[in-house]
């Protein structure tokens, strides 16, 4: 389970790098494919916000309940809430643009930049603070129980581990334009 969460982070990092490239091009006055940017955000909403983050919450709540009752899950839960809200706000802005409603370029660039920064800082927190604790303390038996606890939230990654057609354009883009990402896309 921990390996799955770490792999999710690697996949999310690929997408955040893609978004960085897009907002940098946009800031320089170049055209970007807004549908592709929207697909990244939709993936983040569909998979990260509705499966990955809830699973992390379940894992950490289990850890705290068993090993660190004095700790709080508040920061992790709050950060996940901020990420969900940022995803929704960015999706809303992108939908305005895709519906031919004028949005200031600077607004979109700033929203994309803030979104990427928020996501990256959140993953650093988890990778430097949360994941090492889990790796040190949780036993195979703990992970088996956690997997049962997570069963309702675990879904196949619709971009990186399945052939879900919803993200075909994004999958093709990553395979052809971003092949240096080194990510395999579930085939």
C-alpha atoms as a PDB file:
ATOM      1  CA  UNK A   1       0.000   0.000   0.000  1.00  0.00           C
ATOM      2  CA  UNK A   2       2.799   2.432   0.872  1.00  0.00           C
ATOM      3  CA  UNK A   3       4.497   1.593  -2.428  1.00  0.00           C
ATOM      4  CA  UNK A   4       1.240   2.394  -4.211  1.00  0.00           C
ATOM      5  CA  UNK A   5       1.043   5.796  -2.496  1.00  0.00           C
ATOM      6  CA  UNK A   6       4.671   6.531  -3.402  1.00  0.00           C
ATOM      7  CA  UNK A   7       4.029   5.505  -7.019  1.00  0.00           C
ATOM      8  CA  UNK A   8       1.009   7.803  -7.073  1.00  0.00           C
ATOM      9  CA  UNK A   9       3.299  10.635  -5.998  1.00  0.00           C
ATOM     10  CA  UNK A  10       5.676   9.872  -8.874  1.00  0.00           C
ATOM     11  CA  UNK A  11       2.760   9.962 -11.300  1.00  0.00           C
ATOM     12  CA  UNK A  12       1.394  13.169  -9.820  1.00  0.00           C
ATOM     13  CA  UNK A  13       4.870  14.734 -10.106  1.00  0.00           C
ATOM     14  CA  UNK A  14       4.865  13.969 -13.855  1.00  0.00           C
ATOM     15  CA  UNK A  15       1.551  15.781 -14.198  1.00  0.00           C
ATOM     16  CA  UNK A  16       2.688  18.724 -12.071  1.00  0.00           C
ATOM     17  CA  UNK A  17       5.755  19.087 -14.286  1.00  0.00           C
ATOM     18  CA  UNK A  18       3.455  19.065 -17.299  1.00  0.00           C
ATOM     19  CA  UNK A  19       1.386  21.849 -15.704  1.00  0.00           C
ATOM     20  CA  UNK A  20       4.567  23.817 -14.943  1.00  0.00           C
ATOM     21  CA  UNK A  21       5.507  23.694 -18.588  1.00  0.00           C
ATOM     22  CA  UNK A  22       2.043  24.845 -19.576  1.00  0.00           C
ATOM     23  CA  UNK A  23       1.908  27.828 -17.220  1.00  0.00           C
ATOM     24  CA  UNK A  24       5.435  28.848 -18.214  1.00  0.00           C
ATOM     25  CA  UNK A  25       4.449  28.792 -21.902  1.00  0.00           C
ATOM     26  CA  UNK A  26       1.278  30.689 -21.107  1.00  0.00           C
ATOM     27  CA  UNK A  27       3.233  33.308 -19.123  1.00  0.00           C
ATOM     28  CA  UNK A  28       5.531  33.751 -22.142  1.00  0.00           C
ATOM     29  CA  UNK A  29       2.523  34.378 -24.381  1.00  0.00           C
ATOM     30  CA  UNK A  30       2.524  30.996 -26.105  1.00  0.00           C
ATOM     31  CA  UNK A  31      -0.620  29.020 -26.807  1.00  0.00           C
ATOM     32  CA  UNK A  32      -1.400  25.970 -24.703  1.00  0.00           C
ATOM     33  CA  UNK A  33      -3.892  23.162 -25.060  1.00  0.00           C
ATOM     34  CA  UNK A  34      -6.458  24.050 -22.397  1.00  0.00           C
ATOM     35  CA  UNK A  35      -8.242  20.737 -22.870  1.00  0.00           C
ATOM     36  CA  UNK A  36      -5.053  18.920 -21.902  1.00  0.00           C
ATOM     37  CA  UNK A  37      -4.608  21.129 -18.831  1.00  0.00           C
ATOM     38  CA  UNK A  38      -8.235  20.471 -17.896  1.00  0.00           C
ATOM     39  CA  UNK A  39      -7.631  16.722 -18.318  1.00  0.00           C
ATOM     40  CA  UNK A  40      -4.765  16.888 -15.818  1.00  0.00           C
ATOM     41  CA  UNK A  41      -6.949  18.726 -13.309  1.00  0.00           C
ATOM     42  CA  UNK A  42      -9.849  16.327 -13.907  1.00  0.00           C
ATOM     43  CA  UNK A  43      -7.507  13.395 -13.315  1.00  0.00           C
ATOM     44  CA  UNK A  44      -6.387  15.006 -10.065  1.00  0.00           C
ATOM     45  CA  UNK A  45     -10.026  15.429  -9.042  1.00  0.00           C
ATOM     46  CA  UNK A  46     -11.105  11.984 -10.205  1.00  0.00           C
ATOM     47  CA  UNK A  47      -8.235   9.958  -8.792  1.00  0.00           C
ATOM     48  CA  UNK A  48      -6.069  11.945  -6.371  1.00  0.00           C
ATOM     49  CA  UNK A  49      -8.850  13.832  -4.598  1.00  0.00           C
ATOM     50  CA  UNK A  50     -11.308  10.907  -4.431  1.00  0.00           C
ATOM     51  CA  UNK A  51      -9.033   7.900  -3.909  1.00  0.00           C
ATOM     52  CA  UNK A  52      -5.383   8.723  -3.242  1.00  0.00           C
ATOM     53  CA  UNK A  53      -5.907  11.373  -0.557  1.00  0.00           C
ATOM     54  CA  UNK A  54      -8.708   9.541   1.271  1.00  0.00           C
ATOM     55  CA  UNK A  55      -6.515   6.416   1.357  1.00  0.00           C
ATOM     56  CA  UNK A  56      -3.653   8.460   2.817  1.00  0.00           C
ATOM     57  CA  UNK A  57      -6.055   9.764   5.466  1.00  0.00           C
ATOM     58  CA  UNK A  58      -7.163   6.229   6.362  1.00  0.00           C
ATOM     59  CA  UNK A  59      -3.559   4.992   6.571  1.00  0.00           C
ATOM     60  CA  UNK A  60      -2.406   7.878   8.735  1.00  0.00           C
ATOM     61  CA  UNK A  61      -5.455   7.692  11.008  1.00  0.00           C
ATOM     62  CA  UNK A  62      -4.657   4.000  11.544  1.00  0.00           C
ATOM     63  CA  UNK A  63      -1.020   4.852  12.314  1.00  0.00           C
ATOM     64  CA  UNK A  64      -1.948   7.601  14.778  1.00  0.00           C
ATOM     65  CA  UNK A  65      -4.559   5.408  16.445  1.00  0.00           C
ATOM     66  CA  UNK A  66      -2.081   2.598  16.970  1.00  0.00           C
ATOM     67  CA  UNK A  67       1.285   4.268  17.529  1.00  0.00           C
ATOM     68  CA  UNK A  68       1.039   8.002  18.092  1.00  0.00           C
ATOM     69  CA  UNK A  69      -2.141   8.880  19.909  1.00  0.00           C
ATOM     70  CA  UNK A  70      -0.652  12.244  20.892  1.00  0.00           C
ATOM     71  CA  UNK A  71      -0.274  13.206  17.237  1.00  0.00           C
ATOM     72  CA  UNK A  72      -3.042  14.702  15.184  1.00  0.00           C
ATOM     73  CA  UNK A  73      -4.234  13.942  11.686  1.00  0.00           C
ATOM     74  CA  UNK A  74      -5.463  17.533  11.431  1.00  0.00           C
ATOM     75  CA  UNK A  75      -2.654  18.916   9.226  1.00  0.00           C
ATOM     76  CA  UNK A  76      -2.900  16.103   6.691  1.00  0.00           C
ATOM     77  CA  UNK A  77      -6.687  16.348   6.518  1.00  0.00           C
ATOM     78  CA  UNK A  78      -6.536  20.149   6.197  1.00  0.00           C
ATOM     79  CA  UNK A  79      -3.955  19.949   3.416  1.00  0.00           C
ATOM     80  CA  UNK A  80      -6.092  17.445   1.536  1.00  0.00           C
ATOM     81  CA  UNK A  81      -9.026  19.841   1.883  1.00  0.00           C
ATOM     82  CA  UNK A  82      -6.948  22.708   0.481  1.00  0.00           C
ATOM     83  CA  UNK A  83      -5.841  20.569  -2.455  1.00  0.00           C
ATOM     84  CA  UNK A  84      -9.443  19.567  -3.225  1.00  0.00           C
ATOM     85  CA  UNK A  85     -10.545  23.215  -3.085  1.00  0.00           C
ATOM     86  CA  UNK A  86      -7.653  24.313  -5.318  1.00  0.00           C
ATOM     87  CA  UNK A  87      -8.493  21.569  -7.836  1.00  0.00           C
ATOM     88  CA  UNK A  88     -12.124  22.715  -7.937  1.00  0.00           C
ATOM     89  CA  UNK A  89     -11.191  26.388  -8.353  1.00  0.00           C
ATOM     90  CA  UNK A  90      -8.727  25.630 -11.137  1.00  0.00           C
ATOM     91  CA  UNK A  91     -11.239  23.356 -12.892  1.00  0.00           C
ATOM     92  CA  UNK A  92     -13.802  26.155 -12.707  1.00  0.00           C
ATOM     93  CA  UNK A  93     -11.415  28.652 -14.305  1.00  0.00           C
ATOM     94  CA  UNK A  94     -10.485  26.189 -17.039  1.00  0.00           C
ATOM     95  CA  UNK A  95     -14.151  25.499 -17.761  1.00  0.00           C
ATOM     96  CA  UNK A  96     -14.760  29.229 -18.158  1.00  0.00           C
ATOM     97  CA  UNK A  97     -11.924  29.432 -20.680  1.00  0.00           C
ATOM     98  CA  UNK A  98     -13.143  26.347 -22.557  1.00  0.00           C
ATOM     99  CA  UNK A  99     -16.608  27.921 -22.730  1.00  0.00           C
ATOM    100  CA  UNK A 100     -15.095  30.996 -24.388  1.00  0.00           C
ATOM    101  CA  UNK A 101     -15.449  33.225 -21.356  1.00  0.00           C
ATOM    102  CA  UNK A 102     -12.564  35.647 -21.098  1.00  0.00           C
ATOM    103  CA  UNK A 103     -10.229  35.040 -18.163  1.00  0.00           C
ATOM    104  CA  UNK A 104      -7.105  37.124 -17.638  1.00  0.00           C
ATOM    105  CA  UNK A 105      -4.017  35.182 -18.632  1.00  0.00           C
ATOM    106  CA  UNK A 106      -2.292  36.327 -15.441  1.00  0.00           C
ATOM    107  CA  UNK A 107      -5.115  34.886 -13.336  1.00  0.00           C
ATOM    108  CA  UNK A 108      -4.782  31.466 -14.938  1.00  0.00           C
ATOM    109  CA  UNK A 109      -0.978  31.510 -14.743  1.00  0.00           C
ATOM    110  CA  UNK A 110      -1.147  32.404 -11.041  1.00  0.00           C
ATOM    111  CA  UNK A 111      -3.787  29.749 -10.310  1.00  0.00           C
ATOM    112  CA  UNK A 112      -1.717  27.093 -12.090  1.00  0.00           C
ATOM    113  CA  UNK A 113       1.470  28.177 -10.320  1.00  0.00           C
ATOM    114  CA  UNK A 114      -0.245  28.203  -6.913  1.00  0.00           C
ATOM    115  CA  UNK A 115      -1.834  24.821  -7.595  1.00  0.00           C
ATOM    116  CA  UNK A 116       1.457  23.197  -8.553  1.00  0.00           C
ATOM    117  CA  UNK A 117       3.225  24.743  -5.553  1.00  0.00           C
ATOM    118  CA  UNK A 118       0.503  23.597  -3.160  1.00  0.00           C
ATOM    119  CA  UNK A 119       0.601  20.049  -4.546  1.00  0.00           C
ATOM    120  CA  UNK A 120       4.407  19.879  -4.448  1.00  0.00           C
ATOM    121  CA  UNK A 121       4.630  21.199  -0.882  1.00  0.00           C
ATOM    122  CA  UNK A 122       1.955  18.741   0.194  1.00  0.00           C
ATOM    123  CA  UNK A 123       3.814  15.782  -1.337  1.00  0.00           C
ATOM    124  CA  UNK A 124       7.078  16.896   0.279  1.00  0.00           C
ATOM    125  CA  UNK A 125       5.361  16.954   3.673  1.00  0.00           C
ATOM    126  CA  UNK A 126       4.033  13.450   3.174  1.00  0.00           C
ATOM    127  CA  UNK A 127       7.263  12.048   1.752  1.00  0.00           C
ATOM    128  CA  UNK A 128       9.504  13.576   4.416  1.00  0.00           C
ATOM    129  CA  UNK A 129       7.251  13.336   7.462  1.00  0.00           C
ATOM    130  CA  UNK A 130       4.379  10.874   7.017  1.00  0.00           C
ATOM    131  CA  UNK A 131       5.709   8.098   4.796  1.00  0.00           C
ATOM    132  CA  UNK A 132       8.921   7.429   6.762  1.00  0.00           C
ATOM    133  CA  UNK A 133       6.904   6.951   9.969  1.00  0.00           C
ATOM    134  CA  UNK A 134       4.584   4.527   8.248  1.00  0.00           C
ATOM    135  CA  UNK A 135       7.484   2.604   6.795  1.00  0.00           C
ATOM    136  CA  UNK A 136       9.243   2.306  10.159  1.00  0.00           C
ATOM    137  CA  UNK A 137       6.277   1.337  12.318  1.00  0.00           C
ATOM    138  CA  UNK A 138       3.641  -0.495  10.314  1.00  0.00           C
ATOM    139  CA  UNK A 139       3.929  -4.262  10.036  1.00  0.00           C
ATOM    140  CA  UNK A 140       2.668  -6.545   7.293  1.00  0.00           C
ATOM    141  CA  UNK A 141      -0.323  -7.310   9.505  1.00  0.00           C
ATOM    142  CA  UNK A 142      -1.014  -3.567   9.891  1.00  0.00           C
ATOM    143  CA  UNK A 143      -0.877  -3.107   6.129  1.00  0.00           C
ATOM    144  CA  UNK A 144      -3.304  -5.983   5.621  1.00  0.00           C
ATOM    145  CA  UNK A 145      -5.758  -4.328   8.012  1.00  0.00           C
ATOM    146  CA  UNK A 146      -5.230  -0.954   6.334  1.00  0.00           C
ATOM    147  CA  UNK A 147      -5.946  -2.486   2.941  1.00  0.00           C
ATOM    148  CA  UNK A 148      -9.251  -3.815   4.268  1.00  0.00           C
ATOM    149  CA  UNK A 149     -10.013  -0.369   5.744  1.00  0.00           C
ATOM    150  CA  UNK A 150      -9.250   1.267   2.393  1.00  0.00           C
ATOM    151  CA  UNK A 151     -11.194  -1.151   0.204  1.00  0.00           C
ATOM    152  CA  UNK A 152     -14.022   1.284  -0.495  1.00  0.00           C
ATOM    153  CA  UNK A 153     -11.669   4.111  -1.509  1.00  0.00           C
ATOM    154  CA  UNK A 154      -9.207   2.104  -3.601  1.00  0.00           C
ATOM    155  CA  UNK A 155      -9.797   2.478  -7.315  1.00  0.00           C
ATOM    156  CA  UNK A 156      -7.538   1.705 -10.240  1.00  0.00           C
ATOM    157  CA  UNK A 157      -5.568   4.704 -11.388  1.00  0.00           C
ATOM    158  CA  UNK A 158      -7.505   5.784 -14.515  1.00  0.00           C
ATOM    159  CA  UNK A 159      -4.393   7.168 -16.236  1.00  0.00           C
ATOM    160  CA  UNK A 160      -1.356   5.207 -15.124  1.00  0.00           C
ATOM    161  CA  UNK A 161      -2.707   1.732 -14.413  1.00  0.00           C
ATOM    162  CA  UNK A 162      -5.698   1.205 -16.647  1.00  0.00           C
ATOM    163  CA  UNK A 163      -6.917   1.679 -20.178  1.00  0.00           C
ATOM    164  CA  UNK A 164      -9.739   3.973 -19.088  1.00  0.00           C
ATOM    165  CA  UNK A 165     -10.662   5.953 -22.199  1.00  0.00           C
ATOM    166  CA  UNK A 166     -11.507   9.053 -20.215  1.00  0.00           C
ATOM    167  CA  UNK A 167      -7.862  10.161 -20.227  1.00  0.00           C
ATOM    168  CA  UNK A 168      -6.796   8.866 -23.667  1.00  0.00           C
ATOM    169  CA  UNK A 169      -5.662  12.276 -24.942  1.00  0.00           C
ATOM    170  CA  UNK A 170      -3.608  12.932 -21.802  1.00  0.00           C
ATOM    171  CA  UNK A 171      -2.156   9.401 -21.882  1.00  0.00           C
ATOM    172  CA  UNK A 172      -1.145   9.817 -25.549  1.00  0.00           C
ATOM    173  CA  UNK A 173       0.371  13.230 -24.825  1.00  0.00           C
ATOM    174  CA  UNK A 174       2.510  11.881 -21.990  1.00  0.00           C
ATOM    175  CA  UNK A 175       3.645   8.922 -24.104  1.00  0.00           C
ATOM    176  CA  UNK A 176       4.562  11.001 -27.147  1.00  0.00           C
ATOM    177  CA  UNK A 177       5.449  14.481 -25.920  1.00  0.00           C
ATOM    178  CA  UNK A 178       6.719  13.709 -22.422  1.00  0.00           C
ATOM    179  CA  UNK A 179       8.433  10.318 -22.963  1.00  0.00           C
ATOM    180  CA  UNK A 180      11.335  11.351 -20.722  1.00  0.00           C
ATOM    181  CA  UNK A 181       9.042  11.144 -17.721  1.00  0.00           C
ATOM    182  CA  UNK A 182       9.926   7.463 -17.519  1.00  0.00           C
ATOM    183  CA  UNK A 183       6.395   6.598 -16.456  1.00  0.00           C
ATOM    184  CA  UNK A 184       4.654   3.558 -17.788  1.00  0.00           C
ATOM    185  CA  UNK A 185       1.013   4.094 -18.520  1.00  0.00           C
ATOM    186  CA  UNK A 186      -0.758   0.910 -17.587  1.00  0.00           C
ATOM    187  CA  UNK A 187      -0.437  -1.079 -20.791  1.00  0.00           C
END
